[in-house]
C-alpha atoms as a PDB file:
ATOM      1  CA  MET A   1      20.066 -25.719 -16.644  1.00  0.00           C
ATOM      2  CA  LEU A   2      23.011 -24.432 -14.666  1.00  0.00           C
ATOM      3  CA  TYR A   3      21.710 -20.920 -16.000  1.00  0.00           C
ATOM      4  CA  LYS A   4      18.408 -21.517 -14.560  1.00  0.00           C
ATOM      5  CA  HIS A   5      19.806 -22.514 -11.248  1.00  0.00           C
ATOM      6  CA  ILE A   6      21.971 -19.267 -11.163  1.00  0.00           C
ATOM      7  CA  ILE A   7      18.713 -17.092 -11.754  1.00  0.00           C
ATOM      8  CA  LEU A   8      17.026 -18.758  -9.354  1.00  0.00           C
ATOM      9  CA  SER A   9      19.646 -18.340  -6.598  1.00  0.00           C
ATOM     10  CA  CYS A  10      19.947 -14.764  -7.472  1.00  0.00           C
ATOM     11  CA  PHE A  11      16.094 -14.181  -7.204  1.00  0.00           C
ATOM     12  CA  ALA A  12      16.102 -16.016  -3.635  1.00  0.00           C
ATOM     13  CA  ALA A  13      19.085 -13.809  -2.508  1.00  0.00           C
ATOM     14  CA  LEU A  14      17.363 -10.617  -3.838  1.00  0.00           C
ATOM     15  CA  THR A  15      13.879 -11.229  -2.351  1.00  0.00           C
ATOM     16  CA  CYS A  16      15.291 -12.372   1.333  1.00  0.00           C
ATOM     17  CA  SER A  17      17.635  -9.476   1.378  1.00  0.00           C
ATOM     18  CA  PRO A  18      16.903  -6.929   4.252  1.00  0.00           C
ATOM     19  CA  VAL A  19      17.354  -4.042   2.083  1.00  0.00           C
ATOM     20  CA  LEU A  20      14.396  -4.990  -0.019  1.00  0.00           C
ATOM     21  CA  ALA A  21      12.259  -5.909   3.190  1.00  0.00           C
ATOM     22  CA  ALA A  22      12.277  -2.254   4.043  1.00  0.00           C
ATOM     23  CA  VAL A  23       9.952  -1.068   1.262  1.00  0.00           C
ATOM     24  CA  SER A  24       9.172   2.461   0.755  1.00  0.00           C
ATOM     25  CA  GLN A  25       5.719   3.523   1.297  1.00  0.00           C
ATOM     26  CA  SER A  26       3.657   6.712   1.436  1.00  0.00           C
ATOM     27  CA  TRP A  27       1.332   7.930   4.185  1.00  0.00           C
ATOM     28  CA  PRO A  28      -0.912  11.101   3.460  1.00  0.00           C
ATOM     29  CA  GLY A  29      -2.285  12.498   6.489  1.00  0.00           C
ATOM     30  CA  TYR A  30      -2.163  15.314   9.119  1.00  0.00           C
ATOM     31  CA  LEU A  31       0.969  16.238  10.968  1.00  0.00           C
ATOM     32  CA  ILE A  32       0.275  16.562  14.883  1.00  0.00           C
ATOM     33  CA  ASP A  33       2.513  16.680  17.583  1.00  0.00           C
ATOM     34  CA  ARG A  34       2.778  13.505  19.970  1.00  0.00           C
ATOM     35  CA  SER A  35       1.813  15.399  23.087  1.00  0.00           C
ATOM     36  CA  CYS A  36      -1.568  16.685  21.629  1.00  0.00           C
ATOM     37  CA  ARG A  37      -1.977  12.977  20.018  1.00  0.00           C
ATOM     38  CA  ALA A  38      -1.861  11.411  23.531  1.00  0.00           C
ATOM     39  CA  SER A  39      -4.465  13.664  24.647  1.00  0.00           C
ATOM     40  CA  ILE A  40      -7.005  12.733  21.982  1.00  0.00           C
ATOM     41  CA  GLU A  41      -5.763   9.147  20.894  1.00  0.00           C
ATOM     42  CA  GLY A  42      -8.668   7.089  22.455  1.00  0.00           C
ATOM     43  CA  ASP A  43     -11.284   9.632  21.048  1.00  0.00           C
ATOM     44  CA  SER A  44     -11.536   8.365  17.374  1.00  0.00           C
ATOM     45  CA  GLY A  45     -14.582  10.356  16.650  1.00  0.00           C
ATOM     46  CA  SER A  46     -12.867  13.763  17.187  1.00  0.00           C
ATOM     47  CA  ALA A  47      -9.223  12.674  16.218  1.00  0.00           C
ATOM     48  CA  LEU A  48      -9.693  14.118  12.442  1.00  0.00           C
ATOM     49  CA  SER A  49     -11.175  17.505  13.585  1.00  0.00           C
ATOM     50  CA  PHE A  50      -8.625  17.770  16.084  1.00  0.00           C
ATOM     51  CA  ALA A  51      -5.783  16.912  13.711  1.00  0.00           C
ATOM     52  CA  ARG A  52      -7.132  19.416  11.113  1.00  0.00           C
ATOM     53  CA  ALA A  53      -7.429  22.112  13.659  1.00  0.00           C
ATOM     54  CA  GLN A  54      -3.821  21.616  15.192  1.00  0.00           C
ATOM     55  CA  THR A  55      -2.005  25.107  14.867  1.00  0.00           C
ATOM     56  CA  LYS A  56       1.406  26.026  13.830  1.00  0.00           C
ATOM     57  CA  GLU A  57       1.777  27.693  17.127  1.00  0.00           C
ATOM     58  CA  CYS A  58       0.884  24.558  19.073  1.00  0.00           C
ATOM     59  CA  LEU A  59       3.203  22.466  17.031  1.00  0.00           C
ATOM     60  CA  LEU A  60       6.097  24.523  17.638  1.00  0.00           C
ATOM     61  CA  LEU A  61       5.732  25.068  21.337  1.00  0.00           C
ATOM     62  CA  PRO A  62       8.738  23.631  23.349  1.00  0.00           C
ATOM     63  CA  SER A  63       6.646  20.832  24.962  1.00  0.00           C
ATOM     64  CA  CYS A  64       5.007  19.860  21.611  1.00  0.00           C
ATOM     65  CA  HIS A  65       8.399  20.204  19.675  1.00  0.00           C
ATOM     66  CA  THR A  66      10.359  18.123  22.197  1.00  0.00           C
ATOM     67  CA  ALA A  67       7.595  15.280  22.204  1.00  0.00           C
ATOM     68  CA  GLY A  68       8.169  14.787  18.451  1.00  0.00           C
ATOM     69  CA  TYR A  69       5.624  14.525  15.665  1.00  0.00           C
ATOM     70  CA  ALA A  70       2.972  11.724  14.296  1.00  0.00           C
ATOM     71  CA  VAL A  71       0.742  11.769  11.335  1.00  0.00           C
ATOM     72  CA  PHE A  72      -3.008  10.852  11.330  1.00  0.00           C
ATOM     73  CA  CYS A  73      -3.688   8.694   8.290  1.00  0.00           C
ATOM     74  CA  ASP A  74      -6.773   7.038   7.451  1.00  0.00           C
ATOM     75  CA  GLY A  75      -7.756   6.712  11.053  1.00  0.00           C
ATOM     76  CA  HIS A  76      -4.397   5.614  12.333  1.00  0.00           C
ATOM     77  CA  TRP A  77      -1.499   6.998  14.049  1.00  0.00           C
ATOM     78  CA  PHE A  78       2.245   6.709  13.107  1.00  0.00           C
ATOM     79  CA  ASN A  79       4.926   8.263  14.693  1.00  0.00           C
ATOM     80  CA  LEU A  80       7.687   9.945  13.025  1.00  0.00           C
ATOM     81  CA  ASP A  81      11.458   8.775  13.534  1.00  0.00           C
ATOM     82  CA  THR A  82      14.253  11.192  14.628  1.00  0.00           C
ATOM     83  CA  GLN A  83      14.786  12.006  11.002  1.00  0.00           C
ATOM     84  CA  GLY A  84      11.082  12.620  10.647  1.00  0.00           C
ATOM     85  CA  ASN A  85      10.875  14.954  13.442  1.00  0.00           C
ATOM     86  CA  LYS A  86      13.782  17.009  11.981  1.00  0.00           C
ATOM     87  CA  LEU A  87      11.979  16.955   8.563  1.00  0.00           C
ATOM     88  CA  ALA A  88       8.680  18.245  10.204  1.00  0.00           C
ATOM     89  CA  GLU A  89      10.467  20.878  11.856  1.00  0.00           C
ATOM     90  CA  LYS A  90      12.026  22.187   8.363  1.00  0.00           C
ATOM     91  CA  TYR A  91       8.572  21.812   7.017  1.00  0.00           C
ATOM     92  CA  LEU A  92       6.876  23.846   9.863  1.00  0.00           C
ATOM     93  CA  ALA A  93       9.600  26.458   9.487  1.00  0.00           C
ATOM     94  CA  LYS A  94       8.808  26.824   5.688  1.00  0.00           C
ATOM     95  CA  THR A  95       4.954  26.457   5.331  1.00  0.00           C
ATOM     96  CA  LYS A  96       2.662  29.253   5.196  1.00  0.00           C
ATOM     97  CA  ARG A  97      -0.126  27.384   6.566  1.00  0.00           C
ATOM     98  CA  GLN A  98      -1.255  27.943  10.176  1.00  0.00           C
ATOM     99  CA  LYS A  99      -3.335  24.721  10.557  1.00  0.00           C
ATOM    100  CA  ALA A 100      -4.675  21.731   8.800  1.00  0.00           C
ATOM    101  CA  PHE A 101      -1.061  20.478   8.015  1.00  0.00           C
ATOM    102  CA  PHE A 102      -2.012  17.687   5.322  1.00  0.00           C
ATOM    103  CA  VAL A 103       1.401  16.219   4.204  1.00  0.00           C
ATOM    104  CA  LEU A 104       2.681  13.201   2.449  1.00  0.00           C
ATOM    105  CA  VAL A 105       5.165  11.153   4.438  1.00  0.00           C
ATOM    106  CA  LYS A 106       7.364   8.882   2.723  1.00  0.00           C
ATOM    107  CA  GLY A 107       9.603   6.119   4.038  1.00  0.00           C
ATOM    108  CA  SER A 108       9.342   2.720   5.639  1.00  0.00           C
ATOM    109  CA  LEU A 109       7.253   1.427   8.478  1.00  0.00           C
ATOM    110  CA  SER A 110       8.931  -0.289  11.676  1.00  0.00           C
ATOM    111  CA  GLY A 111       6.194  -1.039  14.125  1.00  0.00           C
ATOM    112  CA  GLN A 112       4.134   2.088  14.449  1.00  0.00           C
ATOM    113  CA  THR A 113       6.906   4.515  13.578  1.00  0.00           C
ATOM    114  CA  ILE A 114       7.784   5.493  10.165  1.00  0.00           C
ATOM    115  CA  LYS A 115      11.348   5.613   9.275  1.00  0.00           C
ATOM    116  CA  THR A 116      11.107   8.893   7.153  1.00  0.00           C
ATOM    117  CA  LYS A 117      12.703   9.866   3.916  1.00  0.00           C
ATOM    118  CA  SER A 118      10.571  12.776   3.055  1.00  0.00           C
ATOM    119  CA  ILE A 119       7.739  15.261   4.147  1.00  0.00           C
ATOM    120  CA  THR A 120       5.792  17.020   1.492  1.00  0.00           C
ATOM    121  CA  GLU A 121       3.000  19.268   1.769  1.00  0.00           C
ATOM    122  CA  LEU A 122      -0.326  18.342   0.078  1.00  0.00           C
ATOM    123  CA  GLU A 123      -3.569  20.107  -0.733  1.00  0.00           C
ATOM    124  CA  GLU A 124      -6.045  19.207   1.861  1.00  0.00           C
ATOM    125  CA  PRO A 125      -8.587  16.723   0.454  1.00  0.00           C
ATOM    126  CA  ALA A 126     -11.889  18.275  -0.849  1.00  0.00           C
ATOM    127  CA  ASN A 127     -13.769  15.615   1.221  1.00  0.00           C
ATOM    128  CA  ALA A 128     -12.045  16.530   4.417  1.00  0.00           C
ATOM    129  CA  GLU A 129     -14.766  17.486   7.036  1.00  0.00           C
ATOM    130  CA  LYS A 130     -15.063  21.127   7.503  1.00  0.00           C
END
């Protein structure tokens, strides 16, 4: 009986732990700067087309770079945190792509901001509107 009580106590401690509350998730989507995001956020019909057409040149403009980055995933916008912005900058410096920055962002969600652990380039989905 004591053994069962110890196991249940350990399980309760682990499931209520704040460390476990920040579950790692993934968001496949298009990288875009927050400045451009603000200009199209209310127009859901053209958001995907706009995100796909976002150019490397635009993403690296000082005003866009300073505003930070976001990811457009399945019709939803998520901001990247400070670490995510740094990772986005590193990704943009390395990629050979000039537009349609389809990436996988891994991290945990806090409100509408992703606490980013990694950003990886993905092949654009075949069903993306052309």
